[in-house]
Every structure is written in C-alpha cells, then in structure tokens.
N, C-alpha and C. Protein backbone atom coordinates (compact mmCIF):
# COMPACT_ATOMS: atom_id res chain seq x y z
N MET A 1 80.21 -185.94 -107.69
CA MET A 1 81.14 -184.62 -108.30
C MET A 1 80.64 -183.42 -107.82
N LEU A 2 81.76 -182.69 -107.24
CA LEU A 2 81.45 -181.27 -107.10
C LEU A 2 82.00 -180.40 -108.05
N LEU A 3 81.34 -179.20 -107.96
CA LEU A 3 82.32 -178.18 -108.81
C LEU A 3 82.50 -176.83 -108.38
N ASP A 4 83.43 -176.05 -108.86
CA ASP A 4 83.50 -174.77 -108.42
C ASP A 4 82.43 -173.97 -109.12
N PRO A 5 81.50 -173.01 -108.40
CA PRO A 5 80.59 -172.51 -109.11
C PRO A 5 80.75 -171.60 -109.98
N ARG A 6 82.30 -170.78 -109.88
CA ARG A 6 82.50 -170.12 -110.58
C ARG A 6 83.27 -170.36 -111.94
N GLY A 7 83.21 -171.64 -112.18
CA GLY A 7 83.55 -172.39 -113.55
C GLY A 7 82.50 -172.25 -114.39
N PRO A 8 81.33 -172.89 -113.99
CA PRO A 8 80.07 -172.66 -115.01
C PRO A 8 79.82 -171.27 -115.12
N ARG A 9 79.98 -170.32 -114.47
CA ARG A 9 79.55 -168.73 -114.51
C ARG A 9 80.48 -168.22 -115.63
N PHE A 10 82.03 -168.65 -115.35
CA PHE A 10 82.62 -168.29 -116.62
C PHE A 10 82.32 -168.72 -118.20
N ALA A 11 81.63 -170.40 -117.99
CA ALA A 11 81.44 -170.89 -119.20
C ALA A 11 80.18 -169.98 -119.71
N ALA A 12 79.34 -169.78 -118.85
CA ALA A 12 78.48 -168.81 -119.20
C ALA A 12 78.33 -167.78 -119.81
N GLY A 13 79.65 -167.01 -119.39
CA GLY A 13 79.98 -165.89 -120.28
C GLY A 13 80.34 -166.18 -121.35
N LEU A 14 81.15 -167.22 -121.96
CA LEU A 14 81.47 -167.36 -123.04
C LEU A 14 80.58 -167.91 -123.88
N THR A 15 79.57 -168.25 -123.24
CA THR A 15 78.36 -169.03 -123.80
C THR A 15 77.36 -167.90 -124.61
N ALA A 16 77.67 -166.96 -123.73
CA ALA A 16 76.59 -165.58 -123.99
C ALA A 16 77.33 -164.99 -125.23
N ILE A 17 78.71 -165.07 -125.14
CA ILE A 17 78.99 -164.22 -126.00
C ILE A 17 78.91 -164.78 -127.65
N VAL A 18 78.91 -166.53 -127.58
CA VAL A 18 78.84 -167.15 -128.59
C VAL A 18 77.58 -166.86 -129.12
N PHE A 19 76.34 -166.80 -128.48
CA PHE A 19 74.80 -166.78 -128.96
C PHE A 19 74.86 -165.20 -129.30
N VAL A 20 75.48 -164.42 -128.78
CA VAL A 20 75.44 -162.77 -129.63
C VAL A 20 76.11 -163.07 -130.93
N LEU A 21 76.90 -163.78 -130.88
CA LEU A 21 77.59 -163.91 -132.47
C LEU A 21 76.52 -164.66 -133.37
N ILE A 22 75.78 -165.47 -133.00
CA ILE A 22 74.98 -166.45 -133.66
C ILE A 22 73.75 -165.51 -134.13
N LEU A 23 73.47 -164.75 -132.91
CA LEU A 23 72.23 -163.75 -133.39
C LEU A 23 72.93 -162.63 -134.54
N VAL A 24 73.73 -162.45 -134.29
CA VAL A 24 74.48 -161.46 -135.16
C VAL A 24 74.55 -161.76 -136.69
N THR A 25 75.23 -163.15 -136.79
CA THR A 25 75.55 -163.54 -138.03
C THR A 25 74.69 -164.68 -138.58
N GLY A 26 73.78 -165.17 -137.66
CA GLY A 26 72.82 -166.32 -138.25
C GLY A 26 73.65 -167.38 -138.67
N ALA A 27 74.89 -167.70 -138.17
CA ALA A 27 75.78 -168.89 -138.78
C ALA A 27 75.25 -170.27 -137.93
N CYS A 28 74.49 -171.17 -138.48
CA CYS A 28 74.01 -172.57 -138.24
C CYS A 28 75.72 -173.21 -137.79
N TRP A 29 77.01 -173.19 -138.16
CA TRP A 29 77.87 -173.52 -137.75
C TRP A 29 78.29 -173.21 -136.66
N LEU A 30 78.19 -171.93 -136.15
CA LEU A 30 78.80 -171.47 -134.95
C LEU A 30 77.66 -172.14 -133.71
N ALA A 31 76.48 -171.93 -133.99
CA ALA A 31 75.16 -172.80 -133.26
C ALA A 31 75.30 -174.12 -133.10
N LEU A 32 75.74 -174.76 -134.25
CA LEU A 32 76.26 -176.56 -134.02
C LEU A 32 77.66 -176.51 -133.12
N ALA A 33 78.26 -175.86 -133.35
CA ALA A 33 79.78 -175.66 -132.47
C ALA A 33 79.40 -175.43 -130.96
N GLN A 34 78.38 -174.62 -130.73
CA GLN A 34 78.02 -174.52 -129.18
C GLN A 34 77.29 -175.85 -128.91
N ALA A 35 76.76 -176.48 -129.61
CA ALA A 35 75.70 -177.44 -129.07
C ALA A 35 76.72 -178.45 -128.79
N VAL A 36 77.96 -178.70 -129.79
CA VAL A 36 78.75 -179.87 -129.45
C VAL A 36 79.39 -179.63 -128.08
N ILE A 37 79.68 -178.24 -127.69
CA ILE A 37 80.22 -177.85 -126.80
C ILE A 37 79.40 -178.40 -125.58
N PHE A 38 78.11 -177.98 -125.36
CA PHE A 38 76.89 -178.30 -124.55
C PHE A 38 77.18 -179.63 -124.37
N ALA A 39 77.08 -180.40 -125.72
CA ALA A 39 77.06 -182.03 -125.27
C ALA A 39 78.03 -182.48 -124.62
N ILE A 40 79.10 -181.96 -124.92
CA ILE A 40 80.77 -182.31 -124.35
C ILE A 40 80.33 -181.96 -122.84
N THR A 41 80.00 -181.13 -122.31
CA THR A 41 79.82 -180.48 -120.81
C THR A 41 78.66 -181.17 -120.48
N ALA A 42 77.81 -181.64 -120.85
CA ALA A 42 76.73 -182.58 -120.12
C ALA A 42 77.09 -183.79 -119.64
N VAL A 43 77.87 -184.19 -120.66
CA VAL A 43 78.53 -185.65 -119.95
C VAL A 43 79.53 -185.41 -118.95
N ASP A 44 80.21 -184.50 -119.04
CA ASP A 44 81.36 -184.26 -117.87
C ASP A 44 81.52 -182.96 -117.59
N PRO A 45 81.07 -182.01 -116.78
CA PRO A 45 81.34 -180.70 -116.92
C PRO A 45 82.82 -180.22 -116.77
N ARG A 46 83.51 -181.21 -115.95
CA ARG A 46 85.06 -180.80 -115.70
C ARG A 46 85.73 -181.12 -117.29
N LYS A 47 85.40 -181.69 -118.42
CA LYS A 47 85.84 -182.03 -119.62
C LYS A 47 85.41 -181.11 -120.72
N GLY A 48 84.26 -179.91 -120.41
CA GLY A 48 83.95 -179.17 -121.29
C GLY A 48 85.14 -178.04 -121.84
N PRO A 49 85.29 -177.69 -123.19
CA PRO A 49 86.35 -176.62 -123.53
C PRO A 49 86.68 -175.40 -122.47
N TYR A 50 85.19 -174.74 -122.27
CA TYR A 50 85.05 -173.79 -121.62
C TYR A 50 85.93 -173.66 -119.99
N SER A 51 85.45 -175.15 -119.35
CA SER A 51 85.92 -175.60 -117.95
C SER A 51 87.40 -175.76 -118.33
N LEU A 52 87.90 -176.29 -119.09
CA LEU A 52 89.38 -176.48 -119.26
C LEU A 52 90.20 -174.95 -119.37
N VAL A 53 89.60 -174.22 -120.15
CA VAL A 53 90.16 -172.86 -120.38
C VAL A 53 90.31 -172.22 -119.03
N TYR A 54 89.27 -172.41 -118.29
CA TYR A 54 88.59 -171.90 -116.75
C TYR A 54 89.75 -172.53 -115.91
N ARG A 55 90.01 -173.47 -115.87
CA ARG A 55 90.79 -173.94 -114.78
C ARG A 55 92.43 -173.90 -115.39
N ALA A 56 92.73 -173.77 -116.11
CA ALA A 56 94.05 -173.48 -117.04
C ALA A 56 94.36 -172.15 -116.71
N LEU A 57 93.32 -170.97 -117.04
CA LEU A 57 94.04 -169.61 -116.74
C LEU A 57 93.35 -168.80 -116.14
N VAL A 58 92.15 -169.03 -115.52
CA VAL A 58 91.49 -168.16 -114.74
C VAL A 58 91.41 -168.82 -113.33
N ALA A 59 91.39 -170.15 -112.88
CA ALA A 59 90.93 -170.48 -111.57
C ALA A 59 92.48 -170.34 -110.73
N PRO A 60 93.48 -170.66 -111.55
CA PRO A 60 94.93 -170.27 -110.69
C PRO A 60 95.11 -168.87 -110.23
N ARG A 61 94.38 -168.07 -110.82
CA ARG A 61 94.45 -166.41 -110.52
C ARG A 61 93.47 -166.46 -109.33
N LEU A 62 92.76 -166.88 -108.89
CA LEU A 62 91.48 -167.16 -107.91
C LEU A 62 92.00 -167.71 -106.60
N ARG A 63 91.23 -166.90 -105.46
CA ARG A 63 91.47 -167.71 -104.49
C ARG A 63 90.84 -169.21 -104.35
N PRO A 64 91.05 -170.15 -103.49
CA PRO A 64 89.86 -171.41 -103.36
C PRO A 64 88.34 -171.14 -103.34
N PRO A 65 87.65 -172.05 -103.84
CA PRO A 65 86.21 -171.61 -103.80
C PRO A 65 85.95 -171.91 -102.20
N THR A 66 84.98 -171.22 -101.64
CA THR A 66 84.44 -171.38 -100.39
C THR A 66 83.26 -172.32 -100.57
N GLU A 67 82.59 -172.40 -101.54
CA GLU A 67 81.52 -173.75 -101.63
C GLU A 67 81.87 -174.43 -102.90
N ARG A 68 81.30 -175.28 -103.14
CA ARG A 68 80.97 -176.23 -104.23
C ARG A 68 79.54 -176.54 -104.94
N GLU A 69 79.40 -176.90 -105.81
CA GLU A 69 77.94 -177.24 -106.48
C GLU A 69 78.18 -178.59 -107.11
N PRO A 70 76.99 -179.46 -106.68
CA PRO A 70 76.68 -180.55 -107.29
C PRO A 70 76.71 -180.41 -109.00
N ALA A 71 77.14 -181.44 -109.43
CA ALA A 71 77.35 -181.25 -110.99
C ALA A 71 76.21 -181.66 -111.56
N GLU A 72 75.27 -182.54 -110.76
CA GLU A 72 73.89 -183.14 -111.88
C GLU A 72 73.14 -181.71 -112.32
N PRO A 73 72.74 -180.72 -111.47
CA PRO A 73 72.05 -179.77 -112.03
C PRO A 73 72.79 -179.08 -113.06
N VAL A 74 74.09 -179.07 -113.16
CA VAL A 74 75.05 -178.29 -114.30
C VAL A 74 74.47 -179.09 -115.52
N ARG A 75 74.50 -180.26 -115.51
CA ARG A 75 74.84 -181.42 -116.32
C ARG A 75 73.38 -181.21 -117.30
N PHE A 76 72.37 -181.02 -116.07
CA PHE A 76 71.06 -180.76 -116.61
C PHE A 76 70.98 -179.58 -117.61
N ALA A 77 71.23 -178.50 -117.04
CA ALA A 77 71.44 -176.99 -117.55
C ALA A 77 72.29 -177.14 -118.98
N GLN A 78 73.32 -177.89 -119.20
CA GLN A 78 73.88 -177.90 -120.44
C GLN A 78 73.21 -178.89 -121.54
N THR A 79 72.43 -179.99 -120.90
CA THR A 79 71.39 -180.50 -121.95
C THR A 79 70.42 -179.63 -122.37
N LEU A 80 70.02 -178.73 -121.54
CA LEU A 80 69.07 -177.51 -122.11
C LEU A 80 69.50 -176.70 -122.80
N GLY A 81 70.59 -176.11 -122.61
CA GLY A 81 71.36 -175.44 -123.22
C GLY A 81 71.48 -175.92 -124.72
N GLY A 82 71.98 -177.29 -124.65
CA GLY A 82 72.31 -177.96 -126.11
C GLY A 82 70.82 -178.00 -127.31
N VAL A 83 69.75 -178.16 -126.43
CA VAL A 83 68.66 -178.33 -127.04
C VAL A 83 68.26 -176.89 -127.63
N PHE A 84 68.15 -175.68 -126.95
CA PHE A 84 68.36 -174.36 -127.53
C PHE A 84 69.43 -174.17 -128.58
N ALA A 85 70.71 -174.53 -128.54
CA ALA A 85 71.45 -174.43 -129.64
C ALA A 85 71.42 -175.31 -130.82
N LEU A 86 70.99 -176.45 -130.66
CA LEU A 86 70.43 -177.32 -131.92
C LEU A 86 69.30 -177.02 -132.35
N THR A 87 68.55 -176.73 -131.53
CA THR A 87 67.08 -175.93 -132.36
C THR A 87 67.72 -174.79 -133.29
N ALA A 88 68.50 -173.99 -132.84
CA ALA A 88 68.80 -172.88 -133.49
C ALA A 88 69.85 -173.34 -134.95
N THR A 89 70.49 -174.25 -134.62
CA THR A 89 71.17 -174.93 -135.54
C THR A 89 70.47 -175.27 -136.86
N VAL A 90 69.57 -176.24 -136.59
CA VAL A 90 68.22 -176.75 -137.44
C VAL A 90 67.85 -175.49 -138.05
N ALA A 91 67.29 -174.61 -137.34
CA ALA A 91 66.28 -173.55 -137.93
C ALA A 91 67.29 -172.89 -138.93
N TYR A 92 68.33 -172.33 -138.57
CA TYR A 92 69.01 -171.30 -139.43
C TYR A 92 69.44 -172.34 -140.51
N ALA A 93 69.91 -173.44 -140.23
CA ALA A 93 70.09 -174.55 -142.00
C ALA A 93 69.07 -174.51 -142.52
N ALA A 94 67.99 -174.69 -142.01
CA ALA A 94 66.49 -174.99 -142.78
C ALA A 94 65.85 -173.45 -143.62
N GLY A 95 66.57 -172.55 -142.86
CA GLY A 95 65.95 -171.39 -143.33
C GLY A 95 64.97 -170.51 -142.51
N GLY A 96 65.13 -171.23 -141.64
CA GLY A 96 63.98 -170.91 -140.51
C GLY A 96 64.56 -169.83 -139.39
N THR A 97 64.77 -168.50 -139.88
CA THR A 97 65.73 -167.55 -139.34
C THR A 97 64.66 -167.37 -137.79
N ALA A 98 63.61 -166.95 -138.07
CA ALA A 98 62.79 -166.58 -137.07
C ALA A 98 62.66 -167.32 -135.68
N VAL A 99 62.76 -169.07 -136.08
CA VAL A 99 63.05 -169.72 -134.92
C VAL A 99 64.32 -169.98 -134.24
N GLY A 100 65.21 -169.86 -135.38
CA GLY A 100 66.70 -169.70 -135.07
C GLY A 100 66.88 -168.39 -133.98
N ILE A 101 66.32 -167.33 -134.37
CA ILE A 101 66.75 -166.08 -133.47
C ILE A 101 65.91 -166.63 -132.18
N VAL A 102 64.90 -167.02 -132.10
CA VAL A 102 63.85 -167.39 -130.58
C VAL A 102 65.16 -168.28 -130.33
N ALA A 103 65.40 -169.42 -130.40
CA ALA A 103 66.47 -170.26 -129.88
C ALA A 103 67.48 -169.75 -129.16
N ALA A 104 68.23 -168.88 -130.16
CA ALA A 104 69.22 -168.19 -129.69
C ALA A 104 69.27 -167.27 -128.97
N ALA A 105 67.99 -166.57 -128.64
CA ALA A 105 67.73 -165.59 -127.67
C ALA A 105 67.47 -166.17 -126.28
N PHE A 106 66.66 -167.30 -126.44
CA PHE A 106 66.34 -167.84 -125.27
C PHE A 106 67.99 -168.46 -124.60
N GLY A 107 68.91 -169.08 -125.54
CA GLY A 107 70.00 -169.47 -124.93
C GLY A 107 70.74 -168.07 -124.39
N LEU A 108 70.63 -167.18 -125.10
CA LEU A 108 71.14 -165.93 -124.62
C LEU A 108 70.94 -165.57 -123.39
N ALA A 109 69.76 -165.35 -123.13
CA ALA A 109 69.13 -164.95 -121.96
C ALA A 109 69.58 -166.11 -120.75
N ALA A 110 69.19 -167.14 -121.06
CA ALA A 110 70.00 -168.19 -119.85
C ALA A 110 71.14 -167.78 -119.54
N ALA A 111 72.49 -167.86 -120.50
CA ALA A 111 73.55 -167.51 -120.40
C ALA A 111 73.78 -166.20 -119.47
N PHE A 112 73.33 -165.34 -119.99
CA PHE A 112 73.56 -164.12 -119.62
C PHE A 112 73.22 -164.01 -117.94
N LEU A 113 72.00 -164.49 -117.75
CA LEU A 113 71.63 -164.75 -116.09
C LEU A 113 72.34 -165.34 -115.57
N ASN A 114 73.28 -166.58 -116.18
CA ASN A 114 73.92 -167.38 -115.02
C ASN A 114 75.39 -166.35 -114.99
N SER A 115 75.86 -165.86 -116.17
CA SER A 115 76.88 -165.29 -115.87
C SER A 115 77.11 -163.94 -115.43
N ALA A 116 76.12 -162.95 -115.30
CA ALA A 116 76.11 -162.00 -114.72
C ALA A 116 75.58 -161.73 -113.28
N PHE A 117 74.39 -162.87 -113.06
CA PHE A 117 73.80 -162.72 -111.71
C PHE A 117 74.21 -164.09 -110.55
N GLY A 118 74.46 -165.45 -111.47
CA GLY A 118 74.76 -166.47 -111.14
C GLY A 118 73.54 -167.29 -111.12
N LEU A 119 72.59 -167.08 -111.77
CA LEU A 119 71.27 -167.45 -111.71
C LEU A 119 71.21 -168.58 -112.66
N CYS A 120 71.24 -169.74 -112.53
CA CYS A 120 71.42 -170.55 -113.53
C CYS A 120 69.93 -171.19 -113.71
N LEU A 121 69.22 -170.92 -114.79
CA LEU A 121 67.79 -171.29 -115.11
C LEU A 121 67.87 -172.79 -114.98
N GLY A 122 68.31 -173.62 -115.97
CA GLY A 122 68.60 -175.09 -115.82
C GLY A 122 68.61 -175.50 -114.44
N CYS A 123 69.70 -175.13 -113.81
CA CYS A 123 70.15 -175.72 -112.67
C CYS A 123 68.83 -175.64 -111.33
N GLU A 124 68.34 -174.50 -111.83
CA GLU A 124 67.10 -174.06 -110.82
C GLU A 124 66.06 -174.91 -111.02
N LEU A 125 65.57 -175.03 -112.45
CA LEU A 125 64.58 -176.33 -112.88
C LEU A 125 64.92 -177.80 -112.22
N TYR A 126 66.05 -177.98 -112.70
CA TYR A 126 66.57 -179.46 -111.94
C TYR A 126 66.07 -179.42 -110.40
N LEU A 127 66.70 -178.68 -109.64
CA LEU A 127 66.39 -178.71 -108.06
C LEU A 127 65.23 -178.57 -107.84
N ALA A 128 64.21 -177.56 -108.61
CA ALA A 128 62.51 -177.36 -108.53
C ALA A 128 62.25 -179.13 -108.52
N ALA A 129 62.60 -179.72 -109.45
CA ALA A 129 61.83 -181.05 -110.12
C ALA A 129 62.38 -182.12 -109.04
N ARG A 130 63.62 -181.89 -108.70
CA ARG A 130 63.85 -182.84 -107.31
C ARG A 130 63.05 -182.68 -106.01
N ARG A 131 62.94 -181.24 -106.01
CA ARG A 131 61.81 -181.18 -104.51
C ARG A 131 60.82 -181.67 -105.02
N VAL A 132 60.10 -181.41 -106.06
CA VAL A 132 58.58 -181.88 -106.59
C VAL A 132 58.49 -183.27 -106.16
N THR A 133 59.75 -184.12 -106.75
CA THR A 133 59.66 -185.67 -106.74
C THR A 133 59.91 -186.30 -105.27
N GLY A 134 59.96 -185.50 -104.27
CA GLY A 134 60.55 -185.83 -102.87
C GLY A 134 62.03 -185.81 -102.60
N ARG A 135 62.79 -185.54 -103.66
CA ARG A 135 64.37 -186.02 -103.68
C ARG A 135 65.32 -184.83 -103.66
N PRO A 136 64.91 -183.83 -102.46
CA PRO A 136 65.61 -182.59 -102.62
C PRO A 136 67.29 -182.79 -102.53
N MET A 137 68.03 -181.91 -103.04
CA MET A 137 68.99 -181.51 -102.83
C MET A 137 69.72 -180.47 -102.82
N ALA A 138 71.05 -179.88 -102.16
CA ALA A 138 71.36 -178.95 -101.56
C ALA A 138 72.13 -178.33 -102.82
N ALA A 139 71.78 -176.62 -103.23
CA ALA A 139 72.36 -176.44 -104.66
C ALA A 139 73.83 -175.92 -104.05
N ARG A 140 74.28 -175.99 -102.90
CA ARG A 140 75.87 -175.52 -102.66
C ARG A 140 76.05 -176.21 -101.58
N VAL A 141 77.47 -176.60 -101.58
CA VAL A 141 78.27 -177.24 -100.38
C VAL A 141 79.10 -176.43 -99.73
N PRO A 142 79.40 -176.07 -98.46
CA PRO A 142 80.42 -175.53 -98.18
C PRO A 142 81.93 -176.19 -98.31
N VAL A 143 82.57 -175.59 -98.31
CA VAL A 143 83.88 -176.38 -98.57
C VAL A 143 84.85 -176.24 -96.84
N ASP A 144 85.13 -177.53 -96.74
CA ASP A 144 85.77 -177.76 -95.12
C ASP A 144 86.89 -177.16 -95.04
C-alpha cells in the first residue's frame, strides 16, 4: 500500500495541536483519545480520523501527488506515537505529571518535525532498522 505523503504530514499537524492541548491542560482523556487515533492509524493509515479529514477536505484541493510513500514506516511511526500518548495518559491519570509532560513533549516534538519539515522520526527509525538488517526499502516512490 502506498500513501500520499502529504496526508501523514497533515495528520502530524493535527497531532501536534492535540499534544499542545495535552501539555496545556494535562488532560489524560485527551491523551487517551490521541492514543486511540494512533492505534487506528497504525492498523491502516488510510482509516485514521485525520486521514479521512485529509482525503475529504484537503486532498481534493491539491494537485495529485508526485510521489508516494510505503505505509509500513508510517504504521511504525504511529505505533511509536501511540506509546508516547499512552504513556502520557497513564502518567497524567496516576498523578505523574512530570512523566506525562515528558511523554507528551516527545510526541509534540516528533509531530512538529513531521508537520513543519516533513521529517518523520518514526519512519526514519523504521527505514534505518531495515537498512541495518539488510532489507533496505525506498522512502518514496515516484508516481507514474
């Protein structure tokens, strides 16, 4: 499965906003909601709520993508994001505000880098692991 790389970047922008709200409010329910979104998207990046918004409202206003990216690195990145969001959820719920802040801040940093600069840390980690294990994979594929 190949994805329009602008979709995950759009999702990262919304995710960054959610992590800012988590940091400002300390709301464990909001961190849990983001963890659920990460879980849905880790299973199928096309089925995530932010992806549905992107395809319905944003993509029709853009030119077709000139390249696509494989879904596997995005799934891995969403799983890592889910770990940060779930850690923040548990920490805030248990009164471990400092741990919740650190977990949400890491999630915010990763989402911001992807949204603003197109640097998906989780994707890069996935691709690096593939190179180390002798199974390299292209990060992007040109559209025919």
